[in-house]
Amino acid sequence: PVDVAAAILLEMRGPLAVGTISEELG
């Protein structure tokens, strides 16, 4: 489920640094 959340996040916001993904998903 967290993988899906990350894929949605990237689709909505575009390219992100790994650290930003980490912060956004806690």
mmCIF file of all heavy atoms, coordinates in Angstrom:
data_MODEL
# 
_entry.id   MODEL 
# 
loop_
_atom_site.group_PDB 
_atom_site.id 
_atom_site.type_symbol 
_atom_site.label_atom_id 
_atom_site.label_alt_id 
_atom_site.label_comp_id 
_atom_site.label_asym_id 
_atom_site.label_entity_id 
_atom_site.label_seq_id 
_atom_site.pdbx_PDB_ins_code 
_atom_site.Cartn_x 
_atom_site.Cartn_y 
_atom_site.Cartn_z 
_atom_site.occupancy 
_atom_site.B_iso_or_equiv 
_atom_site.pdbx_formal_charge 
_atom_site.auth_seq_id 
_atom_site.auth_comp_id 
_atom_site.auth_asym_id 
_atom_site.auth_atom_id 
_atom_site.pdbx_PDB_model_num 
ATOM 1   N N   . PRO A 1 1  ? 0.807  -1.227 0.000   1.00 0.00 ? 1  PRO A N   1 
ATOM 2   C CA  . PRO A 1 1  ? 0.000  0.000  0.000   1.00 0.00 ? 1  PRO A CA  1 
ATOM 3   C C   . PRO A 1 1  ? 0.840  1.276  0.000   1.00 0.00 ? 1  PRO A C   1 
ATOM 4   O O   . PRO A 1 1  ? 0.501  2.247  -0.685  1.00 0.00 ? 1  PRO A O   1 
ATOM 5   C CB  . PRO A 1 1  ? -0.840 -0.130 1.273   1.00 0.00 ? 1  PRO A CB  1 
ATOM 6   C CG  . PRO A 1 1  ? -1.005 -1.610 1.445   1.00 0.00 ? 1  PRO A CG  1 
ATOM 7   C CD  . PRO A 1 1  ? 0.330  -2.183 1.012   1.00 0.00 ? 1  PRO A CD  1 
ATOM 8   N N   . VAL A 1 2  ? 1.948  1.285  0.713   1.00 0.00 ? 2  VAL A N   1 
ATOM 9   C CA  . VAL A 1 2  ? 2.801  2.480  0.739   1.00 0.00 ? 2  VAL A CA  1 
ATOM 10  C C   . VAL A 1 2  ? 3.462  2.714  -0.618  1.00 0.00 ? 2  VAL A C   1 
ATOM 11  O O   . VAL A 1 2  ? 3.719  3.861  -0.999  1.00 0.00 ? 2  VAL A O   1 
ATOM 12  C CB  . VAL A 1 2  ? 3.828  2.418  1.892   1.00 0.00 ? 2  VAL A CB  1 
ATOM 13  C CG1 . VAL A 1 2  ? 4.925  1.388  1.608   1.00 0.00 ? 2  VAL A CG1 1 
ATOM 14  C CG2 . VAL A 1 2  ? 4.415  3.783  2.177   1.00 0.00 ? 2  VAL A CG2 1 
ATOM 15  N N   . ASP A 1 3  ? 3.695  1.649  -1.380  1.00 0.00 ? 3  ASP A N   1 
ATOM 16  C CA  . ASP A 1 3  ? 4.231  1.796  -2.732  1.00 0.00 ? 3  ASP A CA  1 
ATOM 17  C C   . ASP A 1 3  ? 3.232  2.535  -3.619  1.00 0.00 ? 3  ASP A C   1 
ATOM 18  O O   . ASP A 1 3  ? 3.603  3.408  -4.416  1.00 0.00 ? 3  ASP A O   1 
ATOM 19  C CB  . ASP A 1 3  ? 4.526  0.429  -3.368  1.00 0.00 ? 3  ASP A CB  1 
ATOM 20  C CG  . ASP A 1 3  ? 5.549  -0.404 -2.606  1.00 0.00 ? 3  ASP A CG  1 
ATOM 21  O OD1 . ASP A 1 3  ? 6.201  0.132  -1.698  1.00 0.00 ? 3  ASP A OD1 1 
ATOM 22  O OD2 . ASP A 1 3  ? 5.679  -1.598 -2.935  1.00 0.00 ? 3  ASP A OD2 1 
ATOM 23  N N   . VAL A 1 4  ? 1.960  2.172  -3.473  1.00 0.00 ? 4  VAL A N   1 
ATOM 24  C CA  . VAL A 1 4  ? 0.909  2.834  -4.248  1.00 0.00 ? 4  VAL A CA  1 
ATOM 25  C C   . VAL A 1 4  ? 0.852  4.307  -3.861  1.00 0.00 ? 4  VAL A C   1 
ATOM 26  O O   . VAL A 1 4  ? 0.752  5.179  -4.735  1.00 0.00 ? 4  VAL A O   1 
ATOM 27  C CB  . VAL A 1 4  ? -0.455 2.140  -4.034  1.00 0.00 ? 4  VAL A CB  1 
ATOM 28  C CG1 . VAL A 1 4  ? -1.573 2.919  -4.711  1.00 0.00 ? 4  VAL A CG1 1 
ATOM 29  C CG2 . VAL A 1 4  ? -0.412 0.709  -4.560  1.00 0.00 ? 4  VAL A CG2 1 
ATOM 30  N N   . ALA A 1 5  ? 0.941  4.585  -2.570  1.00 0.00 ? 5  ALA A N   1 
ATOM 31  C CA  . ALA A 1 5  ? 0.925  5.983  -2.118  1.00 0.00 ? 5  ALA A CA  1 
ATOM 32  C C   . ALA A 1 5  ? 2.086  6.760  -2.731  1.00 0.00 ? 5  ALA A C   1 
ATOM 33  O O   . ALA A 1 5  ? 1.914  7.902  -3.179  1.00 0.00 ? 5  ALA A O   1 
ATOM 34  C CB  . ALA A 1 5  ? 0.975  6.044  -0.594  1.00 0.00 ? 5  ALA A CB  1 
ATOM 35  N N   . ALA A 1 6  ? 3.254  6.162  -2.779  1.00 0.00 ? 6  ALA A N   1 
ATOM 36  C CA  . ALA A 1 6  ? 4.425  6.830  -3.359  1.00 0.00 ? 6  ALA A CA  1 
ATOM 37  C C   . ALA A 1 6  ? 4.238  7.059  -4.852  1.00 0.00 ? 6  ALA A C   1 
ATOM 38  O O   . ALA A 1 6  ? 4.570  8.128  -5.373  1.00 0.00 ? 6  ALA A O   1 
ATOM 39  C CB  . ALA A 1 6  ? 5.685  6.007  -3.104  1.00 0.00 ? 6  ALA A CB  1 
ATOM 40  N N   . ALA A 1 7  ? 3.698  6.073  -5.562  1.00 0.00 ? 7  ALA A N   1 
ATOM 41  C CA  . ALA A 1 7  ? 3.475  6.220  -6.998  1.00 0.00 ? 7  ALA A CA  1 
ATOM 42  C C   . ALA A 1 7  ? 2.467  7.340  -7.265  1.00 0.00 ? 7  ALA A C   1 
ATOM 43  O O   . ALA A 1 7  ? 2.660  8.156  -8.182  1.00 0.00 ? 7  ALA A O   1 
ATOM 44  C CB  . ALA A 1 7  ? 2.984  4.896  -7.598  1.00 0.00 ? 7  ALA A CB  1 
ATOM 45  N N   . ILE A 1 8  ? 1.414  7.412  -6.449  1.00 0.00 ? 8  ILE A N   1 
ATOM 46  C CA  . ILE A 1 8  ? 0.423  8.485  -6.595  1.00 0.00 ? 8  ILE A CA  1 
ATOM 47  C C   . ILE A 1 8  ? 1.077  9.836  -6.321  1.00 0.00 ? 8  ILE A C   1 
ATOM 48  O O   . ILE A 1 8  ? 0.858  10.811 -7.051  1.00 0.00 ? 8  ILE A O   1 
ATOM 49  C CB  . ILE A 1 8  ? -0.773 8.245  -5.654  1.00 0.00 ? 8  ILE A CB  1 
ATOM 50  C CG1 . ILE A 1 8  ? -1.556 7.008  -6.078  1.00 0.00 ? 8  ILE A CG1 1 
ATOM 51  C CG2 . ILE A 1 8  ? -1.694 9.471  -5.626  1.00 0.00 ? 8  ILE A CG2 1 
ATOM 52  C CD1 . ILE A 1 8  ? -2.567 6.540  -5.052  1.00 0.00 ? 8  ILE A CD1 1 
ATOM 53  N N   . LEU A 1 9  ? 1.882  9.897  -5.272  1.00 0.00 ? 9  LEU A N   1 
ATOM 54  C CA  . LEU A 1 9  ? 2.575  11.137 -4.912  1.00 0.00 ? 9  LEU A CA  1 
ATOM 55  C C   . LEU A 1 9  ? 3.437  11.627 -6.075  1.00 0.00 ? 9  LEU A C   1 
ATOM 56  O O   . LEU A 1 9  ? 3.396  12.800 -6.446  1.00 0.00 ? 9  LEU A O   1 
ATOM 57  C CB  . LEU A 1 9  ? 3.437  10.904 -3.664  1.00 0.00 ? 9  LEU A CB  1 
ATOM 58  C CG  . LEU A 1 9  ? 4.214  12.084 -3.136  1.00 0.00 ? 9  LEU A CG  1 
ATOM 59  C CD1 . LEU A 1 9  ? 3.276  13.126 -2.537  1.00 0.00 ? 9  LEU A CD1 1 
ATOM 60  C CD2 . LEU A 1 9  ? 5.208  11.602 -2.070  1.00 0.00 ? 9  LEU A CD2 1 
ATOM 61  N N   . LEU A 1 10 ? 4.188  10.716 -6.676  1.00 0.00 ? 10 LEU A N   1 
ATOM 62  C CA  . LEU A 1 10 ? 5.050  11.078 -7.802  1.00 0.00 ? 10 LEU A CA  1 
ATOM 63  C C   . LEU A 1 10 ? 4.235  11.479 -9.030  1.00 0.00 ? 10 LEU A C   1 
ATOM 64  O O   . LEU A 1 10 ? 4.603  12.401 -9.747  1.00 0.00 ? 10 LEU A O   1 
ATOM 65  C CB  . LEU A 1 10 ? 5.996  9.929  -8.135  1.00 0.00 ? 10 LEU A CB  1 
ATOM 66  C CG  . LEU A 1 10 ? 7.107  9.730  -7.107  1.00 0.00 ? 10 LEU A CG  1 
ATOM 67  C CD1 . LEU A 1 10 ? 7.696  8.334  -7.215  1.00 0.00 ? 10 LEU A CD1 1 
ATOM 68  C CD2 . LEU A 1 10 ? 8.179  10.787 -7.294  1.00 0.00 ? 10 LEU A CD2 1 
ATOM 69  N N   . GLU A 1 11 ? 3.120  10.813 -9.241  1.00 0.00 ? 11 GLU A N   1 
ATOM 70  C CA  . GLU A 1 11 ? 2.271  11.168 -10.375 1.00 0.00 ? 11 GLU A CA  1 
ATOM 71  C C   . GLU A 1 11 ? 1.696  12.576 -10.188 1.00 0.00 ? 11 GLU A C   1 
ATOM 72  O O   . GLU A 1 11 ? 1.633  13.368 -11.126 1.00 0.00 ? 11 GLU A O   1 
ATOM 73  C CB  . GLU A 1 11 ? 1.136  10.162 -10.531 1.00 0.00 ? 11 GLU A CB  1 
ATOM 74  C CG  . GLU A 1 11 ? 0.230  10.490 -11.704 1.00 0.00 ? 11 GLU A CG  1 
ATOM 75  C CD  . GLU A 1 11 ? -1.007 9.622  -11.770 1.00 0.00 ? 11 GLU A CD  1 
ATOM 76  O OE1 . GLU A 1 11 ? -1.616 9.355  -10.714 1.00 0.00 ? 11 GLU A OE1 1 
ATOM 77  O OE2 . GLU A 1 11 ? -1.365 9.236  -12.884 1.00 0.00 ? 11 GLU A OE2 1 
ATOM 78  N N   . MET A 1 12 ? 1.297  12.898 -8.963  1.00 0.00 ? 12 MET A N   1 
ATOM 79  C CA  . MET A 1 12 ? 0.704  14.215 -8.694  1.00 0.00 ? 12 MET A CA  1 
ATOM 80  C C   . MET A 1 12 ? 1.732  15.336 -8.718  1.00 0.00 ? 12 MET A C   1 
ATOM 81  O O   . MET A 1 12 ? 1.473  16.408 -9.254  1.00 0.00 ? 12 MET A O   1 
ATOM 82  C CB  . MET A 1 12 ? 0.021  14.217 -7.321  1.00 0.00 ? 12 MET A CB  1 
ATOM 83  C CG  . MET A 1 12 ? -1.234 13.394 -7.257  1.00 0.00 ? 12 MET A CG  1 
ATOM 84  S SD  . MET A 1 12 ? -2.150 13.504 -5.683  1.00 0.00 ? 12 MET A SD  1 
ATOM 85  C CE  . MET A 1 12 ? -0.943 13.861 -4.453  1.00 0.00 ? 12 MET A CE  1 
ATOM 86  N N   . ARG A 1 13 ? 2.903  15.094 -8.136  1.00 0.00 ? 13 ARG A N   1 
ATOM 87  C CA  . ARG A 1 13 ? 3.873  16.177 -7.946  1.00 0.00 ? 13 ARG A CA  1 
ATOM 88  C C   . ARG A 1 13 ? 5.027  16.159 -8.935  1.00 0.00 ? 13 ARG A C   1 
ATOM 89  O O   . ARG A 1 13 ? 5.803  17.102 -8.992  1.00 0.00 ? 13 ARG A O   1 
ATOM 90  C CB  . ARG A 1 13 ? 4.429  16.114 -6.534  1.00 0.00 ? 13 ARG A CB  1 
ATOM 91  C CG  . ARG A 1 13 ? 3.338  16.285 -5.508  1.00 0.00 ? 13 ARG A CG  1 
ATOM 92  C CD  . ARG A 1 13 ? 3.825  16.919 -4.269  1.00 0.00 ? 13 ARG A CD  1 
ATOM 93  N NE  . ARG A 1 13 ? 2.773  16.932 -3.283  1.00 0.00 ? 13 ARG A NE  1 
ATOM 94  C CZ  . ARG A 1 13 ? 2.965  16.753 -2.009  1.00 0.00 ? 13 ARG A CZ  1 
ATOM 95  N NH1 . ARG A 1 13 ? 4.177  16.565 -1.553  1.00 0.00 ? 13 ARG A NH1 1 
ATOM 96  N NH2 . ARG A 1 13 ? 1.955  16.791 -1.177  1.00 0.00 ? 13 ARG A NH2 1 
ATOM 97  N N   . GLY A 1 14 ? 5.180  15.059 -9.661  1.00 0.00 ? 14 GLY A N   1 
ATOM 98  C CA  . GLY A 1 14 ? 6.301  14.971 -10.580 1.00 0.00 ? 14 GLY A CA  1 
ATOM 99  C C   . GLY A 1 14 ? 7.551  14.490 -9.863  1.00 0.00 ? 14 GLY A C   1 
ATOM 100 O O   . GLY A 1 14 ? 7.484  14.009 -8.730  1.00 0.00 ? 14 GLY A O   1 
ATOM 101 N N   . PRO A 1 15 ? 8.705  14.607 -10.501 1.00 0.00 ? 15 PRO A N   1 
ATOM 102 C CA  . PRO A 1 15 ? 9.951  14.089 -9.924  1.00 0.00 ? 15 PRO A CA  1 
ATOM 103 C C   . PRO A 1 15 ? 10.222 14.662 -8.527  1.00 0.00 ? 15 PRO A C   1 
ATOM 104 O O   . PRO A 1 15 ? 10.030 15.854 -8.287  1.00 0.00 ? 15 PRO A O   1 
ATOM 105 C CB  . PRO A 1 15 ? 11.018 14.556 -10.915 1.00 0.00 ? 15 PRO A CB  1 
ATOM 106 C CG  . PRO A 1 15 ? 10.282 14.743 -12.199 1.00 0.00 ? 15 PRO A CG  1 
ATOM 107 C CD  . PRO A 1 15 ? 8.906  15.227 -11.811 1.00 0.00 ? 15 PRO A CD  1 
ATOM 108 N N   . LEU A 1 16 ? 10.656 13.765 -7.638  1.00 0.00 ? 16 LEU A N   1 
ATOM 109 C CA  . LEU A 1 16 ? 10.970 14.156 -6.264  1.00 0.00 ? 16 LEU A CA  1 
ATOM 110 C C   . LEU A 1 16 ? 12.272 13.496 -5.833  1.00 0.00 ? 16 LEU A C   1 
ATOM 111 O O   . LEU A 1 16 ? 12.598 12.386 -6.267  1.00 0.00 ? 16 LEU A O   1 
ATOM 112 C CB  . LEU A 1 16 ? 9.867  13.709 -5.301  1.00 0.00 ? 16 LEU A CB  1 
ATOM 113 C CG  . LEU A 1 16 ? 8.488  14.328 -5.466  1.00 0.00 ? 16 LEU A CG  1 
ATOM 114 C CD1 . LEU A 1 16 ? 7.481  13.628 -4.548  1.00 0.00 ? 16 LEU A CD1 1 
ATOM 115 C CD2 . LEU A 1 16 ? 8.528  15.812 -5.173  1.00 0.00 ? 16 LEU A CD2 1 
ATOM 116 N N   . ALA A 1 17 ? 12.980 14.161 -4.954  1.00 0.00 ? 17 ALA A N   1 
ATOM 117 C CA  . ALA A 1 17 ? 14.165 13.556 -4.336  1.00 0.00 ? 17 ALA A CA  1 
ATOM 118 C C   . ALA A 1 17 ? 13.712 12.443 -3.404  1.00 0.00 ? 17 ALA A C   1 
ATOM 119 O O   . ALA A 1 17 ? 12.613 12.490 -2.842  1.00 0.00 ? 17 ALA A O   1 
ATOM 120 C CB  . ALA A 1 17 ? 14.940 14.616 -3.562  1.00 0.00 ? 17 ALA A CB  1 
ATOM 121 N N   . VAL A 1 18 ? 14.564 11.455 -3.224  1.00 0.00 ? 18 VAL A N   1 
ATOM 122 C CA  . VAL A 1 18 ? 14.241 10.340 -2.338  1.00 0.00 ? 18 VAL A CA  1 
ATOM 123 C C   . VAL A 1 18 ? 13.926 10.863 -0.933  1.00 0.00 ? 18 VAL A C   1 
ATOM 124 O O   . VAL A 1 18 ? 12.987 10.404 -0.281  1.00 0.00 ? 18 VAL A O   1 
ATOM 125 C CB  . VAL A 1 18 ? 15.388 9.302  -2.312  1.00 0.00 ? 18 VAL A CB  1 
ATOM 126 C CG1 . VAL A 1 18 ? 15.112 8.213  -1.295  1.00 0.00 ? 18 VAL A CG1 1 
ATOM 127 C CG2 . VAL A 1 18 ? 15.588 8.694  -3.690  1.00 0.00 ? 18 VAL A CG2 1 
ATOM 128 N N   . GLY A 1 19 ? 14.675 11.845 -0.476  1.00 0.00 ? 19 GLY A N   1 
ATOM 129 C CA  . GLY A 1 19 ? 14.442 12.419 0.845   1.00 0.00 ? 19 GLY A CA  1 
ATOM 130 C C   . GLY A 1 19 ? 13.069 13.059 0.971   1.00 0.00 ? 19 GLY A C   1 
ATOM 131 O O   . GLY A 1 19 ? 12.430 12.986 2.025   1.00 0.00 ? 19 GLY A O   1 
ATOM 132 N N   . THR A 1 20 ? 12.604 13.682 -0.095  1.00 0.00 ? 20 THR A N   1 
ATOM 133 C CA  . THR A 1 20 ? 11.272 14.297 -0.083  1.00 0.00 ? 20 THR A CA  1 
ATOM 134 C C   . THR A 1 20 ? 10.194 13.223 -0.001  1.00 0.00 ? 20 THR A C   1 
ATOM 135 O O   . THR A 1 20 ? 9.216  13.366 0.747   1.00 0.00 ? 20 THR A O   1 
ATOM 136 C CB  . THR A 1 20 ? 11.072 15.173 -1.336  1.00 0.00 ? 20 THR A CB  1 
ATOM 137 O OG1 . THR A 1 20 ? 12.093 16.160 -1.381  1.00 0.00 ? 20 THR A OG1 1 
ATOM 138 C CG2 . THR A 1 20 ? 9.711  15.833 -1.336  1.00 0.00 ? 20 THR A CG2 1 
ATOM 139 N N   . ILE A 1 21 ? 10.372 12.142 -0.734  1.00 0.00 ? 21 ILE A N   1 
ATOM 140 C CA  . ILE A 1 21 ? 9.416  11.027 -0.664  1.00 0.00 ? 21 ILE A CA  1 
ATOM 141 C C   . ILE A 1 21 ? 9.390  10.486 0.760   1.00 0.00 ? 21 ILE A C   1 
ATOM 142 O O   . ILE A 1 21 ? 8.322  10.239 1.330   1.00 0.00 ? 21 ILE A O   1 
ATOM 143 C CB  . ILE A 1 21 ? 9.785  9.913  -1.665  1.00 0.00 ? 21 ILE A CB  1 
ATOM 144 C CG1 . ILE A 1 21 ? 9.693  10.437 -3.095  1.00 0.00 ? 21 ILE A CG1 1 
ATOM 145 C CG2 . ILE A 1 21 ? 8.889  8.686  -1.472  1.00 0.00 ? 21 ILE A CG2 1 
ATOM 146 C CD1 . ILE A 1 21 ? 10.297 9.504  -4.136  1.00 0.00 ? 21 ILE A CD1 1 
ATOM 147 N N   . SER A 1 22 ? 10.560 10.328 1.335   1.00 0.00 ? 22 SER A N   1 
ATOM 148 C CA  . SER A 1 22 ? 10.678 9.843  2.708   1.00 0.00 ? 22 SER A CA  1 
ATOM 149 C C   . SER A 1 22 ? 9.914  10.742 3.680   1.00 0.00 ? 22 SER A C   1 
ATOM 150 O O   . SER A 1 22 ? 9.142  10.266 4.513   1.00 0.00 ? 22 SER A O   1 
ATOM 151 C CB  . SER A 1 22 ? 12.159 9.770  3.086   1.00 0.00 ? 22 SER A CB  1 
ATOM 152 O OG  . SER A 1 22 ? 12.319 9.286  4.383   1.00 0.00 ? 22 SER A OG  1 
ATOM 153 N N   . GLU A 1 23 ? 10.109 12.051 3.553   1.00 0.00 ? 23 GLU A N   1 
ATOM 154 C CA  . GLU A 1 23 ? 9.419  13.013 4.426   1.00 0.00 ? 23 GLU A CA  1 
ATOM 155 C C   . GLU A 1 23 ? 7.914  12.976 4.219   1.00 0.00 ? 23 GLU A C   1 
ATOM 156 O O   . GLU A 1 23 ? 7.146  12.967 5.182   1.00 0.00 ? 23 GLU A O   1 
ATOM 157 C CB  . GLU A 1 23 ? 9.921  14.428 4.148   1.00 0.00 ? 23 GLU A CB  1 
ATOM 158 C CG  . GLU A 1 23 ? 11.287 14.724 4.706   1.00 0.00 ? 23 GLU A CG  1 
ATOM 159 C CD  . GLU A 1 23 ? 11.754 16.126 4.322   1.00 0.00 ? 23 GLU A CD  1 
ATOM 160 O OE1 . GLU A 1 23 ? 10.888 17.012 4.129   1.00 0.00 ? 23 GLU A OE1 1 
ATOM 161 O OE2 . GLU A 1 23 ? 12.965 16.319 4.203   1.00 0.00 ? 23 GLU A OE2 1 
ATOM 162 N N   . GLU A 1 24 ? 7.485  12.985 2.967   1.00 0.00 ? 24 GLU A N   1 
ATOM 163 C CA  . GLU A 1 24 ? 6.052  13.022 2.665   1.00 0.00 ? 24 GLU A CA  1 
ATOM 164 C C   . GLU A 1 24 ? 5.317  11.786 3.181   1.00 0.00 ? 24 GLU A C   1 
ATOM 165 O O   . GLU A 1 24 ? 4.166  11.875 3.592   1.00 0.00 ? 24 GLU A O   1 
ATOM 166 C CB  . GLU A 1 24 ? 5.819  13.153 1.156   1.00 0.00 ? 24 GLU A CB  1 
ATOM 167 C CG  . GLU A 1 24 ? 6.154  14.514 0.610   1.00 0.00 ? 24 GLU A CG  1 
ATOM 168 C CD  . GLU A 1 24 ? 5.189  15.587 1.077   1.00 0.00 ? 24 GLU A CD  1 
ATOM 169 O OE1 . GLU A 1 24 ? 3.975  15.318 1.202   1.00 0.00 ? 24 GLU A OE1 1 
ATOM 170 O OE2 . GLU A 1 24 ? 5.651  16.711 1.319   1.00 0.00 ? 24 GLU A OE2 1 
ATOM 171 N N   . LEU A 1 25 ? 5.984  10.636 3.128   1.00 0.00 ? 25 LEU A N   1 
ATOM 172 C CA  . LEU A 1 25 ? 5.337  9.395  3.551   1.00 0.00 ? 25 LEU A CA  1 
ATOM 173 C C   . LEU A 1 25 ? 5.697  8.999  4.977   1.00 0.00 ? 25 LEU A C   1 
ATOM 174 O O   . LEU A 1 25 ? 5.199  7.990  5.480   1.00 0.00 ? 25 LEU A O   1 
ATOM 175 C CB  . LEU A 1 25 ? 5.681  8.264  2.578   1.00 0.00 ? 25 LEU A CB  1 
ATOM 176 C CG  . LEU A 1 25 ? 5.212  8.487  1.138   1.00 0.00 ? 25 LEU A CG  1 
ATOM 177 C CD1 . LEU A 1 25 ? 5.645  7.336  0.251   1.00 0.00 ? 25 LEU A CD1 1 
ATOM 178 C CD2 . LEU A 1 25 ? 3.697  8.678  1.083   1.00 0.00 ? 25 LEU A CD2 1 
ATOM 179 N N   . GLY A 1 26 ? 6.572  9.783  5.613   1.00 0.00 ? 26 GLY A N   1 
ATOM 180 C CA  . GLY A 1 26 ? 6.942  9.500  7.001   1.00 0.00 ? 26 GLY A CA  1 
ATOM 181 C C   . GLY A 1 26 ? 7.720  8.209  7.160   1.00 0.00 ? 26 GLY A C   1 
ATOM 182 O O   . GLY A 1 26 ? 7.542  7.490  8.142   1.00 0.00 ? 26 GLY A O   1 
# 
